Amino acid sequence: MESTFPCIVRRLGDPPRQRGSVTGSSCPDIFELSDGNFAVIGTEATAALDPELPTDGRADYERIVVITRETLLRAKRDIPDA
């Protein structure tokens, strides 16, 4: 069966191991997809943060994930301007 999701093209920023995750217990990550969108691996926090969102903040099928500041800052150099 063919997947309806795009493929991962590349990781943005440094791998978790270079950010200090030697055990694999904390591996937030950001990936660019073949359709130009991004996929994020983070800690699921929908229940905790959903009440703080504006009323138009999230569709039922979407989830809130948290990544570390360091993960995003290290990915910044790889995020295209346009």
PDB file of N, CA and C in Angstrom:
ATOM      1  N   MET A   1       0.835  -1.180   0.000  1.00  0.00           N
ATOM      2  CA  MET A   1       0.000   0.000   0.000  1.00  0.00           C
ATOM      3  C   MET A   1       0.884   1.249   0.000  1.00  0.00           C
ATOM      4  N   GLU A   2       0.567   2.179  -0.836  1.00  0.00           N
ATOM      5  CA  GLU A   2       1.353   3.392  -0.976  1.00  0.00           C
ATOM      6  C   GLU A   2       0.987   4.408   0.112  1.00  0.00           C
ATOM      7  N   SER A   3       1.984   5.041   0.685  1.00  0.00           N
ATOM      8  CA  SER A   3       1.767   6.027   1.735  1.00  0.00           C
ATOM      9  C   SER A   3       1.251   7.330   1.135  1.00  0.00           C
ATOM     10  N   THR A   4       0.367   8.016   1.875  1.00  0.00           N
ATOM     11  CA  THR A   4      -0.134   9.313   1.443  1.00  0.00           C
ATOM     12  C   THR A   4       0.707  10.449   1.992  1.00  0.00           C
ATOM     13  N   PHE A   5       1.651  10.110   2.854  1.00  0.00           N
ATOM     14  CA  PHE A   5       2.502  11.122   3.452  1.00  0.00           C
ATOM     15  C   PHE A   5       3.766  11.307   2.616  1.00  0.00           C
ATOM     16  N   PRO A   6       4.317  12.516   2.621  1.00  0.00           N
ATOM     17  CA  PRO A   6       5.575  12.752   1.918  1.00  0.00           C
ATOM     18  C   PRO A   6       6.736  12.064   2.631  1.00  0.00           C
ATOM     19  N   CYS A   7       7.864  12.026   1.977  1.00  0.00           N
ATOM     20  CA  CYS A   7       9.073  11.401   2.533  1.00  0.00           C
ATOM     21  C   CYS A   7       9.905  12.433   3.300  1.00  0.00           C
ATOM     22  N   ILE A   8      10.681  11.935   4.260  1.00  0.00           N
ATOM     23  CA  ILE A   8      11.644  12.789   4.950  1.00  0.00           C
ATOM     24  C   ILE A   8      12.822  13.018   4.009  1.00  0.00           C
ATOM     25  N   VAL A   9      13.149  14.288   3.798  1.00  0.00           N
ATOM     26  CA  VAL A   9      14.247  14.655   2.913  1.00  0.00           C
ATOM     27  C   VAL A   9      15.542  14.832   3.695  1.00  0.00           C
ATOM     28  N   ARG A  10      15.449  15.536   4.846  1.00  0.00           N
ATOM     29  CA  ARG A  10      16.668  15.794   5.625  1.00  0.00           C
ATOM     30  C   ARG A  10      16.313  16.235   7.026  1.00  0.00           C
ATOM     31  N   ARG A  11      17.277  16.080   7.915  1.00  0.00           N
ATOM     32  CA  ARG A  11      17.172  16.581   9.289  1.00  0.00           C
ATOM     33  C   ARG A  11      17.607  18.046   9.271  1.00  0.00           C
ATOM     34  N   LEU A  12      16.953  18.863  10.061  1.00  0.00           N
ATOM     35  CA  LEU A  12      17.362  20.247  10.233  1.00  0.00           C
ATOM     36  C   LEU A  12      18.099  20.356  11.558  1.00  0.00           C
ATOM     37  N   GLY A  13      19.280  20.909  11.524  1.00  0.00           N
ATOM     38  CA  GLY A  13      20.065  21.048  12.750  1.00  0.00           C
ATOM     39  C   GLY A  13      20.872  19.804  13.035  1.00  0.00           C
ATOM     40  N   ASP A  14      21.389  19.757  14.236  1.00  0.00           N
ATOM     41  CA  ASP A  14      22.265  18.665  14.655  1.00  0.00           C
ATOM     42  C   ASP A  14      21.450  17.464  15.133  1.00  0.00           C
ATOM     43  N   PRO A  15      21.987  16.257  14.956  1.00  0.00           N
ATOM     44  CA  PRO A  15      21.323  15.068  15.498  1.00  0.00           C
ATOM     45  C   PRO A  15      21.245  15.146  17.023  1.00  0.00           C
ATOM     46  N   PRO A  16      20.284  14.461  17.625  1.00  0.00           N
ATOM     47  CA  PRO A  16      20.151  14.491  19.084  1.00  0.00           C
ATOM     48  C   PRO A  16      21.440  14.139  19.822  1.00  0.00           C
ATOM     49  N   ARG A  17      22.218  13.209  19.300  1.00  0.00           N
ATOM     50  CA  ARG A  17      23.466  12.812  19.965  1.00  0.00           C
ATOM     51  C   ARG A  17      24.421  14.004  20.092  1.00  0.00           C
ATOM     52  N   GLN A  18      24.464  14.857  19.076  1.00  0.00           N
ATOM     53  CA  GLN A  18      25.337  16.045  19.136  1.00  0.00           C
ATOM     54  C   GLN A  18      24.787  17.105  20.081  1.00  0.00           C
ATOM     55  N   ARG A  19      23.516  16.988  20.429  1.00  0.00           N
ATOM     56  CA  ARG A  19      22.904  17.919  21.382  1.00  0.00           C
ATOM     57  C   ARG A  19      22.918  17.350  22.794  1.00  0.00           C
ATOM     58  N   GLY A  20      23.617  16.210  22.986  1.00  0.00           N
ATOM     59  CA  GLY A  20      23.788  15.676  24.323  1.00  0.00           C
ATOM     60  C   GLY A  20      22.906  14.500  24.685  1.00  0.00           C
ATOM     61  N   SER A  21      22.084  14.000  23.769  1.00  0.00           N
ATOM     62  CA  SER A  21      21.235  12.845  24.073  1.00  0.00           C
ATOM     63  C   SER A  21      21.985  11.563  23.724  1.00  0.00           C
ATOM     64  N   VAL A  22      22.675  11.018  24.692  1.00  0.00           N
ATOM     65  CA  VAL A  22      23.448   9.798  24.450  1.00  0.00           C
ATOM     66  C   VAL A  22      22.649   8.542  24.760  1.00  0.00           C
ATOM     67  N   THR A  23      21.548   8.681  25.492  1.00  0.00           N
ATOM     68  CA  THR A  23      20.750   7.512  25.859  1.00  0.00           C
ATOM     69  C   THR A  23      19.526   7.336  24.977  1.00  0.00           C
ATOM     70  N   GLY A  24      19.194   8.334  24.176  1.00  0.00           N
ATOM     71  CA  GLY A  24      17.983   8.261  23.368  1.00  0.00           C
ATOM     72  C   GLY A  24      16.735   8.604  24.154  1.00  0.00           C
ATOM     73  N   SER A  25      16.894   9.072  25.382  1.00  0.00           N
ATOM     74  CA  SER A  25      15.729   9.380  26.207  1.00  0.00           C
ATOM     75  C   SER A  25      15.158  10.770  25.929  1.00  0.00           C
ATOM     76  N   SER A  26      15.893  11.602  25.221  1.00  0.00           N
ATOM     77  CA  SER A  26      15.413  12.939  24.878  1.00  0.00           C
ATOM     78  C   SER A  26      15.893  13.266  23.475  1.00  0.00           C
ATOM     79  N   CYS A  27      15.043  13.028  22.507  1.00  0.00           N
ATOM     80  CA  CYS A  27      15.471  13.159  21.110  1.00  0.00           C
ATOM     81  C   CYS A  27      14.555  14.043  20.279  1.00  0.00           C
ATOM     82  N   PRO A  28      14.236  15.265  20.715  1.00  0.00           N
ATOM     83  CA  PRO A  28      13.439  16.121  19.855  1.00  0.00           C
ATOM     84  C   PRO A  28      14.180  16.343  18.546  1.00  0.00           C
ATOM     85  N   ASP A  29      13.436  16.475  17.461  1.00  0.00           N
ATOM     86  CA  ASP A  29      14.071  16.605  16.151  1.00  0.00           C
ATOM     87  C   ASP A  29      13.130  17.309  15.184  1.00  0.00           C
ATOM     88  N   ILE A  30      13.708  17.870  14.128  1.00  0.00           N
ATOM     89  CA  ILE A  30      12.939  18.544  13.087  1.00  0.00           C
ATOM     90  C   ILE A  30      13.422  18.019  11.745  1.00  0.00           C
ATOM     91  N   PHE A  31      12.470  17.669  10.874  1.00  0.00           N
ATOM     92  CA  PHE A  31      12.798  17.138   9.551  1.00  0.00           C
ATOM     93  C   PHE A  31      12.046  17.904   8.469  1.00  0.00           C
ATOM     94  N   GLU A  32      12.713  18.130   7.339  1.00  0.00           N
ATOM     95  CA  GLU A  32      12.053  18.702   6.172  1.00  0.00           C
ATOM     96  C   GLU A  32      11.484  17.557   5.350  1.00  0.00           C
ATOM     97  N   LEU A  33      10.270  17.738   4.852  1.00  0.00           N
ATOM     98  CA  LEU A  33       9.593  16.715   4.073  1.00  0.00           C
ATOM     99  C   LEU A  33       9.639  17.024   2.587  1.00  0.00           C
ATOM    100  N   SER A  34       9.411  16.021   1.773  1.00  0.00           N
ATOM    101  CA  SER A  34       9.509  16.170   0.319  1.00  0.00           C
ATOM    102  C   SER A  34       8.491  17.148  -0.248  1.00  0.00           C
ATOM    103  N   ASP A  35       7.418  17.440   0.470  1.00  0.00           N
ATOM    104  CA  ASP A  35       6.431  18.405  -0.016  1.00  0.00           C
ATOM    105  C   ASP A  35       6.697  19.820   0.490  1.00  0.00           C
ATOM    106  N   GLY A  36       7.834  20.017   1.194  1.00  0.00           N
ATOM    107  CA  GLY A  36       8.203  21.335   1.690  1.00  0.00           C
ATOM    108  C   GLY A  36       7.732  21.615   3.109  1.00  0.00           C
ATOM    109  N   ASN A  37       6.903  20.753   3.678  1.00  0.00           N
ATOM    110  CA  ASN A  37       6.464  20.902   5.060  1.00  0.00           C
ATOM    111  C   ASN A  37       7.525  20.347   6.000  1.00  0.00           C
ATOM    112  N   PHE A  38       7.265  20.445   7.305  1.00  0.00           N
ATOM    113  CA  PHE A  38       8.211  19.986   8.305  1.00  0.00           C
ATOM    114  C   PHE A  38       7.528  19.031   9.273  1.00  0.00           C
ATOM    115  N   ALA A  39       8.266  18.054   9.744  1.00  0.00           N
ATOM    116  CA  ALA A  39       7.797  17.125  10.772  1.00  0.00           C
ATOM    117  C   ALA A  39       8.637  17.357  12.023  1.00  0.00           C
ATOM    118  N   VAL A  40       7.967  17.317  13.175  1.00  0.00           N
ATOM    119  CA  VAL A  40       8.640  17.582  14.442  1.00  0.00           C
ATOM    120  C   VAL A  40       8.431  16.407  15.387  1.00  0.00           C
ATOM    121  N   ILE A  41       9.512  15.962  16.010  1.00  0.00           N
ATOM    122  CA  ILE A  41       9.434  14.974  17.081  1.00  0.00           C
ATOM    123  C   ILE A  41       9.643  15.733  18.380  1.00  0.00           C
ATOM    124  N   GLY A  42       8.702  15.608  19.275  1.00  0.00           N
ATOM    125  CA  GLY A  42       8.803  16.300  20.548  1.00  0.00           C
ATOM    126  C   GLY A  42       7.963  15.612  21.601  1.00  0.00           C
ATOM    127  N   THR A  43       7.865  16.228  22.739  1.00  0.00           N
ATOM    128  CA  THR A  43       7.077  15.698  23.836  1.00  0.00           C
ATOM    129  C   THR A  43       5.625  16.117  23.651  1.00  0.00           C
ATOM    130  N   GLU A  44       4.713  15.153  23.644  1.00  0.00           N
ATOM    131  CA  GLU A  44       3.294  15.431  23.456  1.00  0.00           C
ATOM    132  C   GLU A  44       2.783  16.233  24.640  1.00  0.00           C
ATOM    133  N   ALA A  45       2.169  17.389  24.369  1.00  0.00           N
ATOM    134  CA  ALA A  45       1.723  18.269  25.443  1.00  0.00           C
ATOM    135  C   ALA A  45       0.351  18.870  25.166  1.00  0.00           C
ATOM    136  N   THR A  46      -0.445  18.194  24.354  1.00  0.00           N
ATOM    137  CA  THR A  46      -1.746  18.741  23.957  1.00  0.00           C
ATOM    138  C   THR A  46      -2.641  19.005  25.164  1.00  0.00           C
ATOM    139  N   ALA A  47      -2.789  18.034  26.036  1.00  0.00           N
ATOM    140  CA  ALA A  47      -3.693  18.203  27.178  1.00  0.00           C
ATOM    141  C   ALA A  47      -3.266  19.368  28.070  1.00  0.00           C
ATOM    142  N   ALA A  48      -1.974  19.517  28.263  1.00  0.00           N
ATOM    143  CA  ALA A  48      -1.476  20.565  29.159  1.00  0.00           C
ATOM    144  C   ALA A  48      -1.572  21.960  28.549  1.00  0.00           C
ATOM    145  N   LEU A  49      -1.331  22.075  27.241  1.00  0.00           N
ATOM    146  CA  LEU A  49      -1.255  23.406  26.626  1.00  0.00           C
ATOM    147  C   LEU A  49      -2.510  23.819  25.866  1.00  0.00           C
ATOM    148  N   ASP A  50      -3.368  22.887  25.530  1.00  0.00           N
ATOM    149  CA  ASP A  50      -4.563  23.199  24.753  1.00  0.00           C
ATOM    150  C   ASP A  50      -5.425  24.296  25.393  1.00  0.00           C
ATOM    151  N   PRO A  51      -5.634  24.286  26.712  1.00  0.00           N
ATOM    152  CA  PRO A  51      -6.455  25.336  27.320  1.00  0.00           C
ATOM    153  C   PRO A  51      -5.869  26.745  27.164  1.00  0.00           C
ATOM    154  N   GLU A  52      -4.592  26.839  26.882  1.00  0.00           N
ATOM    155  CA  GLU A  52      -3.953  28.147  26.751  1.00  0.00           C
ATOM    156  C   GLU A  52      -3.990  28.691  25.327  1.00  0.00           C
ATOM    157  N   LEU A  53      -4.398  27.863  24.359  1.00  0.00           N
ATOM    158  CA  LEU A  53      -4.446  28.299  22.966  1.00  0.00           C
ATOM    159  C   LEU A  53      -5.623  29.240  22.733  1.00  0.00           C
ATOM    160  N   PRO A  54      -5.495  30.120  21.729  1.00  0.00           N
ATOM    161  CA  PRO A  54      -6.665  30.907  21.330  1.00  0.00           C
ATOM    162  C   PRO A  54      -7.738  29.945  20.799  1.00  0.00           C
ATOM    163  N   THR A  55      -8.965  30.383  20.741  1.00  0.00           N
ATOM    164  CA  THR A  55     -10.068  29.508  20.337  1.00  0.00           C
ATOM    165  C   THR A  55      -9.901  28.928  18.938  1.00  0.00           C
ATOM    166  N   ASP A  56      -9.155  29.588  18.075  1.00  0.00           N
ATOM    167  CA  ASP A  56      -8.943  29.081  16.709  1.00  0.00           C
ATOM    168  C   ASP A  56      -7.574  28.414  16.576  1.00  0.00           C
ATOM    169  N   GLY A  57      -7.012  27.923  17.688  1.00  0.00           N
ATOM    170  CA  GLY A  57      -5.633  27.475  17.707  1.00  0.00           C
ATOM    171  C   GLY A  57      -5.308  26.084  17.214  1.00  0.00           C
ATOM    172  N   ARG A  58      -6.265  25.105  17.195  1.00  0.00           N
ATOM    173  CA  ARG A  58      -5.892  23.739  16.864  1.00  0.00           C
ATOM    174  C   ARG A  58      -7.096  22.976  16.344  1.00  0.00           C
ATOM    175  N   ALA A  59      -6.873  22.222  15.272  1.00  0.00           N
ATOM    176  CA  ALA A  59      -7.915  21.328  14.768  1.00  0.00           C
ATOM    177  C   ALA A  59      -7.922  20.058  15.615  1.00  0.00           C
ATOM    178  N   ASP A  60      -9.014  19.323  15.604  1.00  0.00           N
ATOM    179  CA  ASP A  60      -9.135  18.103  16.413  1.00  0.00           C
ATOM    180  C   ASP A  60      -8.072  17.059  16.091  1.00  0.00           C
ATOM    181  N   TYR A  61      -7.619  17.019  14.854  1.00  0.00           N
ATOM    182  CA  TYR A  61      -6.630  16.010  14.449  1.00  0.00           C
ATOM    183  C   TYR A  61      -5.187  16.458  14.712  1.00  0.00           C
ATOM    184  N   GLU A  62      -4.982  17.669  15.163  1.00  0.00           N
ATOM    185  CA  GLU A  62      -3.637  18.183  15.432  1.00  0.00           C
ATOM    186  C   GLU A  62      -3.260  17.982  16.897  1.00  0.00           C
ATOM    187  N   ARG A  63      -1.959  17.865  17.141  1.00  0.00           N
ATOM    188  CA  ARG A  63      -1.422  17.701  18.486  1.00  0.00           C
ATOM    189  C   ARG A  63      -0.352  18.751  18.729  1.00  0.00           C
ATOM    190  N   ILE A  64      -0.198  19.145  19.977  1.00  0.00           N
ATOM    191  CA  ILE A  64       0.844  20.083  20.380  1.00  0.00           C
ATOM    192  C   ILE A  64       2.033  19.265  20.863  1.00  0.00           C
ATOM    193  N   VAL A  65       3.203  19.540  20.300  1.00  0.00           N
ATOM    194  CA  VAL A  65       4.429  18.906  20.781  1.00  0.00           C
ATOM    195  C   VAL A  65       5.413  19.990  21.179  1.00  0.00           C
ATOM    196  N   VAL A  66       6.234  19.676  22.153  1.00  0.00           N
ATOM    197  CA  VAL A  66       7.226  20.622  22.657  1.00  0.00           C
ATOM    198  C   VAL A  66       8.613  20.101  22.285  1.00  0.00           C
ATOM    199  N   ILE A  67       9.438  21.009  21.750  1.00  0.00           N
ATOM    200  CA  ILE A  67      10.839  20.693  21.499  1.00  0.00           C
ATOM    201  C   ILE A  67      11.683  21.654  22.322  1.00  0.00           C
ATOM    202  N   THR A  68      12.915  21.304  22.544  1.00  0.00           N
ATOM    203  CA  THR A  68      13.782  22.178  23.328  1.00  0.00           C
ATOM    204  C   THR A  68      14.172  23.414  22.511  1.00  0.00           C
ATOM    205  N   ARG A  69      14.471  24.460  23.213  1.00  0.00           N
ATOM    206  CA  ARG A  69      14.947  25.683  22.560  1.00  0.00           C
ATOM    207  C   ARG A  69      16.201  25.384  21.743  1.00  0.00           C
ATOM    208  N   GLU A  70      17.101  24.585  22.320  1.00  0.00           N
ATOM    209  CA  GLU A  70      18.349  24.242  21.647  1.00  0.00           C
ATOM    210  C   GLU A  70      18.090  23.537  20.307  1.00  0.00           C
ATOM    211  N   THR A  71      17.097  22.654  20.275  1.00  0.00           N
ATOM    212  CA  THR A  71      16.770  21.952  19.034  1.00  0.00           C
ATOM    213  C   THR A  71      16.394  22.940  17.935  1.00  0.00           C
ATOM    214  N   LEU A  72      15.530  23.881  18.245  1.00  0.00           N
ATOM    215  CA  LEU A  72      15.107  24.856  17.237  1.00  0.00           C
ATOM    216  C   LEU A  72      16.236  25.805  16.852  1.00  0.00           C
ATOM    217  N   LEU A  73      17.015  26.261  17.823  1.00  0.00           N
ATOM    218  CA  LEU A  73      18.109  27.180  17.508  1.00  0.00           C
ATOM    219  C   LEU A  73      19.161  26.516  16.622  1.00  0.00           C
ATOM    220  N   ARG A  74      19.446  25.248  16.874  1.00  0.00           N
ATOM    221  CA  ARG A  74      20.422  24.550  16.035  1.00  0.00           C
ATOM    222  C   ARG A  74      19.870  24.236  14.652  1.00  0.00           C
ATOM    223  N   ALA A  75      18.566  24.167  14.520  1.00  0.00           N
ATOM    224  CA  ALA A  75      17.938  23.922  13.217  1.00  0.00           C
ATOM    225  C   ALA A  75      17.829  25.209  12.400  1.00  0.00           C
ATOM    226  N   LYS A  76      17.901  26.339  13.046  1.00  0.00           N
ATOM    227  CA  LYS A  76      17.689  27.636  12.396  1.00  0.00           C
ATOM    228  C   LYS A  76      18.546  27.802  11.145  1.00  0.00           C
ATOM    229  N   ARG A  77      19.774  27.371  11.197  1.00  0.00           N
ATOM    230  CA  ARG A  77      20.677  27.547  10.054  1.00  0.00           C
ATOM    231  C   ARG A  77      20.215  26.761   8.828  1.00  0.00           C
ATOM    232  N   ASP A  78      19.431  25.708   9.038  1.00  0.00           N
ATOM    233  CA  ASP A  78      18.974  24.858   7.949  1.00  0.00           C
ATOM    234  C   ASP A  78      17.573  25.193   7.460  1.00  0.00           C
ATOM    235  N   ILE A  79      16.883  26.106   8.131  1.00  0.00           N
ATOM    236  CA  ILE A  79      15.526  26.462   7.733  1.00  0.00           C
ATOM    237  C   ILE A  79      15.596  27.500   6.623  1.00  0.00           C
ATOM    238  N   PRO A  80      14.982  27.201   5.468  1.00  0.00           N
ATOM    239  CA  PRO A  80      15.045  28.138   4.344  1.00  0.00           C
ATOM    240  C   PRO A  80      14.317  29.450   4.673  1.00  0.00           C
ATOM    241  N   ASP A  81      14.784  30.543   4.068  1.00  0.00           N
ATOM    242  CA  ASP A  81      14.131  31.840   4.267  1.00  0.00           C
ATOM    243  C   ASP A  81      12.814  31.919   3.518  1.00  0.00           C
ATOM    244  N   ALA A  82      12.687  31.174   2.460  1.00  0.00           N
ATOM    245  CA  ALA A  82      11.434  31.211   1.678  1.00  0.00           C
ATOM    246  C   ALA A  82      11.105  29.840   1.146  1.00  0.00           C
TER     247      ALA A  82
END
